[in-house]
Amino acid sequence: MGIIVQKFGGSSVANVEKLNQVVSKILEEKEKGKDVVVVVSAQRKDY
């Protein structure tokens, strides 16, 4: 088992579609048995 740190921000968390992709990446590491630490920085606004 290991620890994975994932950081997401800007355009990667700009809308629901992108957030779903982020969740998939997090779950992919969890399914491998990793402990995951997630850092989310500023969200880009899509106007």
PDB file of N, CA and C in Angstrom:
ATOM      1  N   MET A   1       0.852  -1.180   0.000  1.00  0.00           N
ATOM      2  CA  MET A   1       0.000   0.000   0.000  1.00  0.00           C
ATOM      3  C   MET A   1       0.888   1.230   0.000  1.00  0.00           C
ATOM      4  N   GLY A   2       0.442   2.288  -0.623  1.00  0.00           N
ATOM      5  CA  GLY A   2       1.174   3.537  -0.651  1.00  0.00           C
ATOM      6  C   GLY A   2       0.225   4.708  -0.554  1.00  0.00           C
ATOM      7  N   ILE A   3       0.808   5.874  -0.433  1.00  0.00           N
ATOM      8  CA  ILE A   3       0.013   7.101  -0.383  1.00  0.00           C
ATOM      9  C   ILE A   3       0.230   7.853  -1.684  1.00  0.00           C
ATOM     10  N   ILE A   4      -0.847   8.278  -2.279  1.00  0.00           N
ATOM     11  CA  ILE A   4      -0.829   9.074  -3.499  1.00  0.00           C
ATOM     12  C   ILE A   4      -1.401  10.439  -3.153  1.00  0.00           C
ATOM     13  N   VAL A   5      -0.700  11.500  -3.545  1.00  0.00           N
ATOM     14  CA  VAL A   5      -1.215  12.863  -3.390  1.00  0.00           C
ATOM     15  C   VAL A   5      -1.584  13.360  -4.778  1.00  0.00           C
ATOM     16  N   GLN A   6      -2.831  13.773  -4.928  1.00  0.00           N
ATOM     17  CA  GLN A   6      -3.298  14.295  -6.208  1.00  0.00           C
ATOM     18  C   GLN A   6      -3.781  15.723  -5.990  1.00  0.00           C
ATOM     19  N   LYS A   7      -3.338  16.640  -6.857  1.00  0.00           N
ATOM     20  CA  LYS A   7      -3.746  18.046  -6.764  1.00  0.00           C
ATOM     21  C   LYS A   7      -4.486  18.413  -8.038  1.00  0.00           C
ATOM     22  N   PHE A   8      -5.633  19.017  -7.853  1.00  0.00           N
ATOM     23  CA  PHE A   8      -6.450  19.440  -8.984  1.00  0.00           C
ATOM     24  C   PHE A   8      -6.840  20.890  -8.781  1.00  0.00           C
ATOM     25  N   GLY A   9      -6.886  21.636  -9.861  1.00  0.00           N
ATOM     26  CA  GLY A   9      -7.297  23.032  -9.788  1.00  0.00           C
ATOM     27  C   GLY A   9      -7.505  23.592 -11.180  1.00  0.00           C
ATOM     28  N   GLY A  10      -7.949  24.819 -11.217  1.00  0.00           N
ATOM     29  CA  GLY A  10      -8.138  25.507 -12.495  1.00  0.00           C
ATOM     30  C   GLY A  10      -9.149  24.822 -13.377  1.00  0.00           C
ATOM     31  N   SER A  11      -8.754  24.560 -14.622  1.00  0.00           N
ATOM     32  CA  SER A  11      -9.696  24.001 -15.596  1.00  0.00           C
ATOM     33  C   SER A  11     -10.096  22.567 -15.280  1.00  0.00           C
ATOM     34  N   SER A  12      -9.294  21.847 -14.464  1.00  0.00           N
ATOM     35  CA  SER A  12      -9.645  20.454 -14.157  1.00  0.00           C
ATOM     36  C   SER A  12     -10.817  20.342 -13.185  1.00  0.00           C
ATOM     37  N   VAL A  13     -11.222  21.456 -12.574  1.00  0.00           N
ATOM     38  CA  VAL A  13     -12.391  21.448 -11.683  1.00  0.00           C
ATOM     39  C   VAL A  13     -13.382  22.558 -12.063  1.00  0.00           C
ATOM     40  N   ALA A  14     -13.383  22.918 -13.343  1.00  0.00           N
ATOM     41  CA  ALA A  14     -14.174  24.062 -13.801  1.00  0.00           C
ATOM     42  C   ALA A  14     -15.662  23.775 -13.959  1.00  0.00           C
ATOM     43  N   ASN A  15     -16.020  22.495 -14.162  1.00  0.00           N
ATOM     44  CA  ASN A  15     -17.436  22.180 -14.359  1.00  0.00           C
ATOM     45  C   ASN A  15     -17.692  20.729 -13.927  1.00  0.00           C
ATOM     46  N   VAL A  16     -18.939  20.326 -13.987  1.00  0.00           N
ATOM     47  CA  VAL A  16     -19.330  19.005 -13.503  1.00  0.00           C
ATOM     48  C   VAL A  16     -18.650  17.895 -14.301  1.00  0.00           C
ATOM     49  N   GLU A  17     -18.552  18.041 -15.596  1.00  0.00           N
ATOM     50  CA  GLU A  17     -17.907  17.020 -16.426  1.00  0.00           C
ATOM     51  C   GLU A  17     -16.453  16.821 -16.002  1.00  0.00           C
ATOM     52  N   LYS A  18     -15.746  17.913 -15.795  1.00  0.00           N
ATOM     53  CA  LYS A  18     -14.342  17.838 -15.376  1.00  0.00           C
ATOM     54  C   LYS A  18     -14.226  17.254 -13.969  1.00  0.00           C
ATOM     55  N   LEU A  19     -15.139  17.635 -13.086  1.00  0.00           N
ATOM     56  CA  LEU A  19     -15.125  17.087 -11.722  1.00  0.00           C
ATOM     57  C   LEU A  19     -15.330  15.578 -11.741  1.00  0.00           C
ATOM     58  N   ASN A  20     -16.196  15.097 -12.619  1.00  0.00           N
ATOM     59  CA  ASN A  20     -16.412  13.654 -12.737  1.00  0.00           C
ATOM     60  C   ASN A  20     -15.138  12.944 -13.190  1.00  0.00           C
ATOM     61  N   GLN A  21     -14.361  13.578 -14.064  1.00  0.00           N
ATOM     62  CA  GLN A  21     -13.091  13.005 -14.495  1.00  0.00           C
ATOM     63  C   GLN A  21     -12.107  12.939 -13.327  1.00  0.00           C
ATOM     64  N   VAL A  22     -12.111  13.976 -12.498  1.00  0.00           N
ATOM     65  CA  VAL A  22     -11.250  14.001 -11.308  1.00  0.00           C
ATOM     66  C   VAL A  22     -11.630  12.852 -10.376  1.00  0.00           C
ATOM     67  N   VAL A  23     -12.917  12.674 -10.141  1.00  0.00           N
ATOM     68  CA  VAL A  23     -13.387  11.607  -9.264  1.00  0.00           C
ATOM     69  C   VAL A  23     -12.954  10.251  -9.805  1.00  0.00           C
ATOM     70  N   SER A  24     -13.030  10.072 -11.111  1.00  0.00           N
ATOM     71  CA  SER A  24     -12.607   8.806 -11.718  1.00  0.00           C
ATOM     72  C   SER A  24     -11.127   8.536 -11.453  1.00  0.00           C
ATOM     73  N   LYS A  25     -10.299   9.566 -11.552  1.00  0.00           N
ATOM     74  CA  LYS A  25      -8.865   9.406 -11.300  1.00  0.00           C
ATOM     75  C   LYS A  25      -8.600   9.045  -9.841  1.00  0.00           C
ATOM     76  N   ILE A  26      -9.352   9.662  -8.942  1.00  0.00           N
ATOM     77  CA  ILE A  26      -9.194   9.366  -7.515  1.00  0.00           C
ATOM     78  C   ILE A  26      -9.611   7.919  -7.239  1.00  0.00           C
ATOM     79  N   LEU A  27     -10.764   7.529  -7.752  1.00  0.00           N
ATOM     80  CA  LEU A  27     -11.266   6.173  -7.516  1.00  0.00           C
ATOM     81  C   LEU A  27     -10.355   5.113  -8.135  1.00  0.00           C
ATOM     82  N   GLU A  28      -9.742   5.434  -9.251  1.00  0.00           N
ATOM     83  CA  GLU A  28      -8.818   4.507  -9.906  1.00  0.00           C
ATOM     84  C   GLU A  28      -7.651   4.164  -8.971  1.00  0.00           C
ATOM     85  N   GLU A  29      -7.118   5.156  -8.291  1.00  0.00           N
ATOM     86  CA  GLU A  29      -6.023   4.913  -7.349  1.00  0.00           C
ATOM     87  C   GLU A  29      -6.512   4.159  -6.113  1.00  0.00           C
ATOM     88  N   LYS A  30      -7.707   4.494  -5.634  1.00  0.00           N
ATOM     89  CA  LYS A  30      -8.282   3.790  -4.478  1.00  0.00           C
ATOM     90  C   LYS A  30      -8.475   2.313  -4.794  1.00  0.00           C
ATOM     91  N   GLU A  31      -8.920   2.014  -6.005  1.00  0.00           N
ATOM     92  CA  GLU A  31      -9.146   0.626  -6.409  1.00  0.00           C
ATOM     93  C   GLU A  31      -7.845  -0.159  -6.483  1.00  0.00           C
ATOM     94  N   LYS A  32      -6.735   0.532  -6.646  1.00  0.00           N
ATOM     95  CA  LYS A  32      -5.415  -0.111  -6.642  1.00  0.00           C
ATOM     96  C   LYS A  32      -4.918  -0.353  -5.222  1.00  0.00           C
ATOM     97  N   GLY A  33      -5.710   0.082  -4.233  1.00  0.00           N
ATOM     98  CA  GLY A  33      -5.335  -0.122  -2.846  1.00  0.00           C
ATOM     99  C   GLY A  33      -4.518   1.004  -2.240  1.00  0.00           C
ATOM    100  N   LYS A  34      -4.441   2.120  -2.931  1.00  0.00           N
ATOM    101  CA  LYS A  34      -3.666   3.262  -2.448  1.00  0.00           C
ATOM    102  C   LYS A  34      -4.504   4.116  -1.503  1.00  0.00           C
ATOM    103  N   ASP A  35      -3.820   4.747  -0.556  1.00  0.00           N
ATOM    104  CA  ASP A  35      -4.442   5.808   0.227  1.00  0.00           C
ATOM    105  C   ASP A  35      -4.269   7.085  -0.585  1.00  0.00           C
ATOM    106  N   VAL A  36      -5.316   7.859  -0.730  1.00  0.00           N
ATOM    107  CA  VAL A  36      -5.276   9.031  -1.594  1.00  0.00           C
ATOM    108  C   VAL A  36      -5.537  10.293  -0.776  1.00  0.00           C
ATOM    109  N   VAL A  37      -4.645  11.260  -0.946  1.00  0.00           N
ATOM    110  CA  VAL A  37      -4.828  12.601  -0.395  1.00  0.00           C
ATOM    111  C   VAL A  37      -5.121  13.504  -1.582  1.00  0.00           C
ATOM    112  N   VAL A  38      -6.224  14.244  -1.513  1.00  0.00           N
ATOM    113  CA  VAL A  38      -6.626  15.098  -2.624  1.00  0.00           C
ATOM    114  C   VAL A  38      -6.567  16.554  -2.190  1.00  0.00           C
ATOM    115  N   VAL A  39      -5.901  17.370  -3.004  1.00  0.00           N
ATOM    116  CA  VAL A  39      -5.811  18.806  -2.783  1.00  0.00           C
ATOM    117  C   VAL A  39      -6.533  19.468  -3.937  1.00  0.00           C
ATOM    118  N   VAL A  40      -7.478  20.346  -3.611  1.00  0.00           N
ATOM    119  CA  VAL A  40      -8.201  21.077  -4.647  1.00  0.00           C
ATOM    120  C   VAL A  40      -7.910  22.562  -4.457  1.00  0.00           C
ATOM    121  N   SER A  41      -7.370  23.176  -5.509  1.00  0.00           N
ATOM    122  CA  SER A  41      -7.080  24.609  -5.442  1.00  0.00           C
ATOM    123  C   SER A  41      -8.154  25.374  -6.177  1.00  0.00           C
ATOM    124  N   ALA A  42      -7.868  26.586  -6.550  1.00  0.00           N
ATOM    125  CA  ALA A  42      -8.866  27.491  -7.128  1.00  0.00           C
ATOM    126  C   ALA A  42      -9.573  26.883  -8.337  1.00  0.00           C
ATOM    127  N   GLN A  43     -10.884  27.073  -8.339  1.00  0.00           N
ATOM    128  CA  GLN A  43     -11.717  26.576  -9.432  1.00  0.00           C
ATOM    129  C   GLN A  43     -11.842  27.660 -10.492  1.00  0.00           C
ATOM    130  N   ARG A  44     -11.565  27.291 -11.740  1.00  0.00           N
ATOM    131  CA  ARG A  44     -11.755  28.241 -12.823  1.00  0.00           C
ATOM    132  C   ARG A  44     -13.240  28.425 -13.074  1.00  0.00           C
ATOM    133  N   LYS A  45     -13.643  29.644 -13.304  1.00  0.00           N
ATOM    134  CA  LYS A  45     -15.046  29.922 -13.576  1.00  0.00           C
ATOM    135  C   LYS A  45     -15.281  29.910 -15.086  1.00  0.00           C
ATOM    136  N   ASP A  46     -16.234  29.107 -15.528  1.00  0.00           N
ATOM    137  CA  ASP A  46     -16.663  29.119 -16.915  1.00  0.00           C
ATOM    138  C   ASP A  46     -17.891  30.002 -16.991  1.00  0.00           C
ATOM    139  N   TYR A  47     -17.781  31.117 -17.651  1.00  0.00           N
ATOM    140  CA  TYR A  47     -18.904  32.050 -17.736  1.00  0.00           C
ATOM    141  C   TYR A  47     -19.621  31.906 -19.050  1.00  0.00           C
TER     142      TYR A  47
END
